[in-house]
Amino acid sequence: MRKNMDKPALLGTILQQAIKASGIQVDLDAHRLWQQWKGIVGPAIAENTRPEVIRGQLLLVNVSSAPWMQQLQFLKPELIEKINETLGKKLVGDIRFKIGPVN
């Protein structure tokens, strides 16, 4: 609760306090990953993949086909590095690929 009403509060501060008070878990880093996926992995990979969920530091990614899944296994260390570098923190420690919907 604000005690000093002399200055207006920043909207971001109010929203953070409201989210914290409500108990809603908002993972803005995961949201940024979804938003920036194409820029991180490039258009060809983005067309054949879709990040599904982050559990701890494990990123699950849907892939369009077995050949793409095999190719991505080779690129996994580079993808992890690009993701973490783009987000400015170690969000992803491992990636697991599975065939699934990419649209």
N, C-alpha and C. Protein backbone atom coordinates (compact mmCIF):
# COMPACT_ATOMS: atom_id res chain seq x y z
N MET A 1 0.84 -1.18 0.00
CA MET A 1 0.00 0.00 0.00
C MET A 1 0.89 1.24 0.00
N ARG A 2 0.56 2.21 -0.79
CA ARG A 2 1.33 3.46 -0.88
C ARG A 2 1.03 4.35 0.30
N LYS A 3 2.11 4.89 0.85
CA LYS A 3 1.94 5.80 1.98
C LYS A 3 2.10 7.24 1.54
N ASN A 4 3.00 7.48 0.58
CA ASN A 4 3.29 8.83 0.14
C ASN A 4 2.53 9.12 -1.16
N MET A 5 1.57 10.00 -1.10
CA MET A 5 0.75 10.30 -2.26
C MET A 5 1.18 11.59 -2.96
N ASP A 6 2.38 12.09 -2.63
CA ASP A 6 2.86 13.32 -3.25
C ASP A 6 3.21 13.14 -4.71
N LYS A 7 3.71 11.97 -5.09
CA LYS A 7 4.10 11.70 -6.47
C LYS A 7 3.23 10.59 -7.03
N PRO A 8 2.93 10.66 -8.32
CA PRO A 8 2.19 9.55 -8.93
C PRO A 8 3.09 8.31 -9.02
N ALA A 9 2.50 7.15 -8.88
CA ALA A 9 3.25 5.90 -8.97
C ALA A 9 3.42 5.51 -10.44
N LEU A 10 4.53 4.86 -10.75
CA LEU A 10 4.75 4.36 -12.09
C LEU A 10 3.80 3.21 -12.37
N LEU A 11 3.24 3.19 -13.57
CA LEU A 11 2.29 2.14 -13.94
C LEU A 11 2.92 0.76 -13.83
N GLY A 12 4.17 0.61 -14.25
CA GLY A 12 4.86 -0.68 -14.16
C GLY A 12 4.94 -1.17 -12.73
N THR A 13 5.21 -0.27 -11.82
CA THR A 13 5.31 -0.62 -10.40
C THR A 13 3.95 -1.09 -9.88
N ILE A 14 2.91 -0.38 -10.25
CA ILE A 14 1.55 -0.75 -9.83
C ILE A 14 1.18 -2.13 -10.37
N LEU A 15 1.48 -2.37 -11.66
CA LEU A 15 1.15 -3.66 -12.26
C LEU A 15 1.92 -4.80 -11.60
N GLN A 16 3.21 -4.59 -11.35
CA GLN A 16 4.00 -5.63 -10.68
C GLN A 16 3.43 -5.95 -9.31
N GLN A 17 3.04 -4.94 -8.56
CA GLN A 17 2.47 -5.16 -7.23
C GLN A 17 1.13 -5.89 -7.34
N ALA A 18 0.32 -5.52 -8.33
CA ALA A 18 -0.98 -6.17 -8.50
C ALA A 18 -0.83 -7.64 -8.88
N ILE A 19 0.12 -7.93 -9.78
CA ILE A 19 0.35 -9.32 -10.20
C ILE A 19 0.85 -10.13 -9.02
N LYS A 20 1.78 -9.58 -8.28
CA LYS A 20 2.33 -10.28 -7.12
C LYS A 20 1.24 -10.54 -6.08
N ALA A 21 0.40 -9.55 -5.83
CA ALA A 21 -0.67 -9.68 -4.84
C ALA A 21 -1.73 -10.69 -5.28
N SER A 22 -1.96 -10.80 -6.60
CA SER A 22 -3.01 -11.70 -7.09
C SER A 22 -2.57 -13.15 -7.11
N GLY A 23 -1.25 -13.39 -7.05
CA GLY A 23 -0.76 -14.77 -7.08
C GLY A 23 -0.64 -15.31 -8.50
N ILE A 24 -0.88 -14.50 -9.51
CA ILE A 24 -0.76 -14.93 -10.90
C ILE A 24 0.71 -15.01 -11.25
N GLN A 25 1.13 -16.14 -11.82
CA GLN A 25 2.51 -16.32 -12.25
C GLN A 25 2.62 -15.89 -13.71
N VAL A 26 3.33 -14.84 -13.97
CA VAL A 26 3.53 -14.36 -15.33
C VAL A 26 4.99 -14.54 -15.69
N ASP A 27 5.26 -15.34 -16.69
CA ASP A 27 6.63 -15.59 -17.10
C ASP A 27 6.93 -14.75 -18.33
N LEU A 28 7.41 -13.54 -18.08
CA LEU A 28 7.67 -12.62 -19.17
C LEU A 28 8.83 -13.07 -20.04
N ASP A 29 9.81 -13.79 -19.46
CA ASP A 29 10.92 -14.28 -20.26
C ASP A 29 10.45 -15.30 -21.29
N ALA A 30 9.58 -16.21 -20.88
CA ALA A 30 9.03 -17.19 -21.82
C ALA A 30 8.24 -16.49 -22.90
N HIS A 31 7.48 -15.48 -22.53
CA HIS A 31 6.71 -14.72 -23.51
C HIS A 31 7.64 -14.06 -24.53
N ARG A 32 8.73 -13.48 -24.03
CA ARG A 32 9.72 -12.86 -24.94
C ARG A 32 10.31 -13.90 -25.88
N LEU A 33 10.56 -15.10 -25.37
CA LEU A 33 11.11 -16.17 -26.21
C LEU A 33 10.14 -16.49 -27.34
N TRP A 34 8.87 -16.63 -27.02
CA TRP A 34 7.86 -16.94 -28.04
C TRP A 34 7.80 -15.80 -29.06
N GLN A 35 7.81 -14.57 -28.60
CA GLN A 35 7.72 -13.41 -29.48
C GLN A 35 8.93 -13.29 -30.41
N GLN A 36 10.11 -13.65 -29.92
CA GLN A 36 11.35 -13.45 -30.67
C GLN A 36 11.87 -14.73 -31.32
N TRP A 37 11.10 -15.81 -31.28
CA TRP A 37 11.55 -17.11 -31.77
C TRP A 37 12.13 -17.03 -33.19
N LYS A 38 11.42 -16.42 -34.11
CA LYS A 38 11.88 -16.37 -35.51
C LYS A 38 13.21 -15.62 -35.61
N GLY A 39 13.36 -14.54 -34.88
CA GLY A 39 14.60 -13.78 -34.90
C GLY A 39 15.76 -14.54 -34.28
N ILE A 40 15.48 -15.38 -33.31
CA ILE A 40 16.52 -16.14 -32.63
C ILE A 40 16.99 -17.29 -33.51
N VAL A 41 16.06 -18.07 -34.03
CA VAL A 41 16.43 -19.29 -34.75
C VAL A 41 16.54 -19.11 -36.26
N GLY A 42 16.01 -18.02 -36.79
CA GLY A 42 16.03 -17.80 -38.24
C GLY A 42 14.75 -18.30 -38.88
N PRO A 43 14.44 -17.79 -40.09
CA PRO A 43 13.16 -18.09 -40.73
C PRO A 43 12.97 -19.57 -41.10
N ALA A 44 14.00 -20.25 -41.57
CA ALA A 44 13.84 -21.65 -41.99
C ALA A 44 13.51 -22.55 -40.79
N ILE A 45 14.25 -22.37 -39.70
CA ILE A 45 13.98 -23.18 -38.50
C ILE A 45 12.64 -22.80 -37.91
N ALA A 46 12.35 -21.50 -37.86
CA ALA A 46 11.07 -21.05 -37.27
C ALA A 46 9.87 -21.61 -38.03
N GLU A 47 10.01 -21.78 -39.34
CA GLU A 47 8.92 -22.32 -40.15
C GLU A 47 8.64 -23.79 -39.82
N ASN A 48 9.65 -24.47 -39.29
CA ASN A 48 9.53 -25.91 -39.02
C ASN A 48 9.55 -26.26 -37.54
N THR A 49 9.45 -25.25 -36.69
CA THR A 49 9.45 -25.48 -35.24
C THR A 49 8.48 -24.54 -34.55
N ARG A 50 8.15 -24.90 -33.31
CA ARG A 50 7.37 -24.01 -32.45
C ARG A 50 7.70 -24.34 -31.00
N PRO A 51 8.17 -23.36 -30.24
CA PRO A 51 8.40 -23.64 -28.82
C PRO A 51 7.07 -23.94 -28.15
N GLU A 52 7.05 -24.97 -27.33
CA GLU A 52 5.80 -25.37 -26.70
C GLU A 52 5.71 -24.93 -25.25
N VAL A 53 6.74 -25.25 -24.45
CA VAL A 53 6.68 -24.95 -23.03
C VAL A 53 8.10 -24.95 -22.45
N ILE A 54 8.27 -24.20 -21.38
CA ILE A 54 9.52 -24.25 -20.63
C ILE A 54 9.20 -24.83 -19.27
N ARG A 55 9.91 -25.89 -18.91
CA ARG A 55 9.76 -26.53 -17.59
C ARG A 55 11.11 -26.46 -16.90
N GLY A 56 11.22 -25.61 -15.92
CA GLY A 56 12.52 -25.37 -15.31
C GLY A 56 13.40 -24.69 -16.35
N GLN A 57 14.52 -25.32 -16.70
CA GLN A 57 15.37 -24.80 -17.76
C GLN A 57 15.30 -25.66 -19.02
N LEU A 58 14.29 -26.54 -19.10
CA LEU A 58 14.10 -27.40 -20.26
C LEU A 58 13.06 -26.77 -21.20
N LEU A 59 13.47 -26.53 -22.43
CA LEU A 59 12.57 -25.99 -23.45
C LEU A 59 12.10 -27.14 -24.32
N LEU A 60 10.79 -27.34 -24.42
CA LEU A 60 10.22 -28.34 -25.32
C LEU A 60 9.81 -27.64 -26.60
N VAL A 61 10.26 -28.20 -27.73
CA VAL A 61 10.02 -27.58 -29.03
C VAL A 61 9.37 -28.60 -29.96
N ASN A 62 8.24 -28.23 -30.56
CA ASN A 62 7.62 -29.06 -31.58
C ASN A 62 8.36 -28.86 -32.89
N VAL A 63 8.52 -29.96 -33.64
CA VAL A 63 9.25 -29.95 -34.90
C VAL A 63 8.38 -30.62 -35.96
N SER A 64 8.47 -30.13 -37.20
CA SER A 64 7.59 -30.59 -38.27
C SER A 64 7.89 -32.00 -38.77
N SER A 65 9.14 -32.48 -38.67
CA SER A 65 9.48 -33.79 -39.24
C SER A 65 10.72 -34.38 -38.57
N ALA A 66 10.93 -35.68 -38.78
CA ALA A 66 12.10 -36.37 -38.23
C ALA A 66 13.42 -35.82 -38.77
N PRO A 67 13.52 -35.53 -40.08
CA PRO A 67 14.79 -34.95 -40.56
C PRO A 67 15.12 -33.61 -39.89
N TRP A 68 14.11 -32.76 -39.68
CA TRP A 68 14.34 -31.50 -38.98
C TRP A 68 14.76 -31.75 -37.54
N MET A 69 14.14 -32.72 -36.91
CA MET A 69 14.48 -33.03 -35.52
C MET A 69 15.95 -33.47 -35.44
N GLN A 70 16.39 -34.30 -36.37
CA GLN A 70 17.77 -34.75 -36.38
C GLN A 70 18.74 -33.58 -36.60
N GLN A 71 18.42 -32.70 -37.54
CA GLN A 71 19.28 -31.54 -37.81
C GLN A 71 19.37 -30.62 -36.59
N LEU A 72 18.23 -30.43 -35.91
CA LEU A 72 18.21 -29.54 -34.75
C LEU A 72 19.03 -30.10 -33.58
N GLN A 73 19.15 -31.43 -33.50
CA GLN A 73 20.00 -32.02 -32.45
C GLN A 73 21.44 -31.51 -32.59
N PHE A 74 21.90 -31.37 -33.84
CA PHE A 74 23.26 -30.87 -34.07
C PHE A 74 23.38 -29.38 -33.73
N LEU A 75 22.29 -28.66 -33.89
CA LEU A 75 22.29 -27.21 -33.65
C LEU A 75 21.94 -26.84 -32.21
N LYS A 76 21.59 -27.82 -31.39
CA LYS A 76 21.10 -27.55 -30.04
C LYS A 76 22.00 -26.63 -29.22
N PRO A 77 23.32 -26.87 -29.12
CA PRO A 77 24.15 -25.97 -28.31
C PRO A 77 24.12 -24.53 -28.80
N GLU A 78 24.13 -24.35 -30.12
CA GLU A 78 24.08 -23.00 -30.70
C GLU A 78 22.74 -22.33 -30.41
N LEU A 79 21.66 -23.09 -30.50
CA LEU A 79 20.32 -22.54 -30.22
C LEU A 79 20.19 -22.12 -28.76
N ILE A 80 20.68 -22.95 -27.85
CA ILE A 80 20.62 -22.62 -26.42
C ILE A 80 21.39 -21.33 -26.17
N GLU A 81 22.57 -21.23 -26.75
CA GLU A 81 23.39 -20.03 -26.57
C GLU A 81 22.69 -18.78 -27.11
N LYS A 82 22.09 -18.89 -28.31
CA LYS A 82 21.39 -17.74 -28.92
C LYS A 82 20.19 -17.32 -28.08
N ILE A 83 19.43 -18.29 -27.59
CA ILE A 83 18.25 -17.99 -26.77
C ILE A 83 18.67 -17.21 -25.52
N ASN A 84 19.63 -17.76 -24.80
CA ASN A 84 20.06 -17.13 -23.55
C ASN A 84 20.70 -15.77 -23.78
N GLU A 85 21.45 -15.65 -24.87
CA GLU A 85 22.08 -14.37 -25.19
C GLU A 85 21.02 -13.32 -25.53
N THR A 86 20.03 -13.71 -26.30
CA THR A 86 18.96 -12.78 -26.69
C THR A 86 18.17 -12.31 -25.48
N LEU A 87 17.89 -13.23 -24.56
CA LEU A 87 17.08 -12.89 -23.38
C LEU A 87 17.91 -12.28 -22.26
N GLY A 88 19.23 -12.34 -22.39
CA GLY A 88 20.10 -11.72 -21.39
C GLY A 88 20.20 -12.47 -20.08
N LYS A 89 19.83 -13.76 -20.09
CA LYS A 89 19.93 -14.57 -18.89
C LYS A 89 19.87 -16.04 -19.29
N LYS A 90 20.29 -16.91 -18.37
CA LYS A 90 20.26 -18.34 -18.67
C LYS A 90 18.87 -18.89 -18.38
N LEU A 91 18.01 -18.75 -19.35
CA LEU A 91 16.64 -19.24 -19.23
C LEU A 91 16.57 -20.72 -19.61
N VAL A 92 17.33 -21.11 -20.65
CA VAL A 92 17.27 -22.46 -21.19
C VAL A 92 18.61 -23.17 -20.98
N GLY A 93 18.56 -24.36 -20.38
CA GLY A 93 19.76 -25.17 -20.19
C GLY A 93 19.78 -26.36 -21.13
N ASP A 94 18.60 -26.77 -21.61
CA ASP A 94 18.50 -27.91 -22.53
C ASP A 94 17.25 -27.73 -23.39
N ILE A 95 17.26 -28.37 -24.55
CA ILE A 95 16.11 -28.35 -25.44
C ILE A 95 15.78 -29.79 -25.79
N ARG A 96 14.51 -30.12 -25.73
CA ARG A 96 14.02 -31.43 -26.18
C ARG A 96 13.09 -31.21 -27.37
N PHE A 97 13.36 -31.91 -28.46
CA PHE A 97 12.57 -31.78 -29.67
C PHE A 97 11.62 -32.95 -29.80
N LYS A 98 10.42 -32.67 -30.30
CA LYS A 98 9.45 -33.73 -30.56
C LYS A 98 8.61 -33.34 -31.77
N ILE A 99 8.17 -34.33 -32.49
CA ILE A 99 7.32 -34.05 -33.65
C ILE A 99 5.95 -33.63 -33.13
N GLY A 100 5.48 -32.50 -33.64
CA GLY A 100 4.20 -31.96 -33.20
C GLY A 100 3.81 -30.78 -34.05
N PRO A 101 2.66 -30.17 -33.74
CA PRO A 101 2.17 -29.04 -34.54
C PRO A 101 3.10 -27.84 -34.44
N VAL A 102 3.35 -27.20 -35.59
CA VAL A 102 4.23 -26.04 -35.62
C VAL A 102 3.51 -24.78 -36.08
N ASN A 103 2.23 -24.84 -36.29
CA ASN A 103 1.45 -23.66 -36.73
C ASN A 103 0.92 -22.90 -35.56
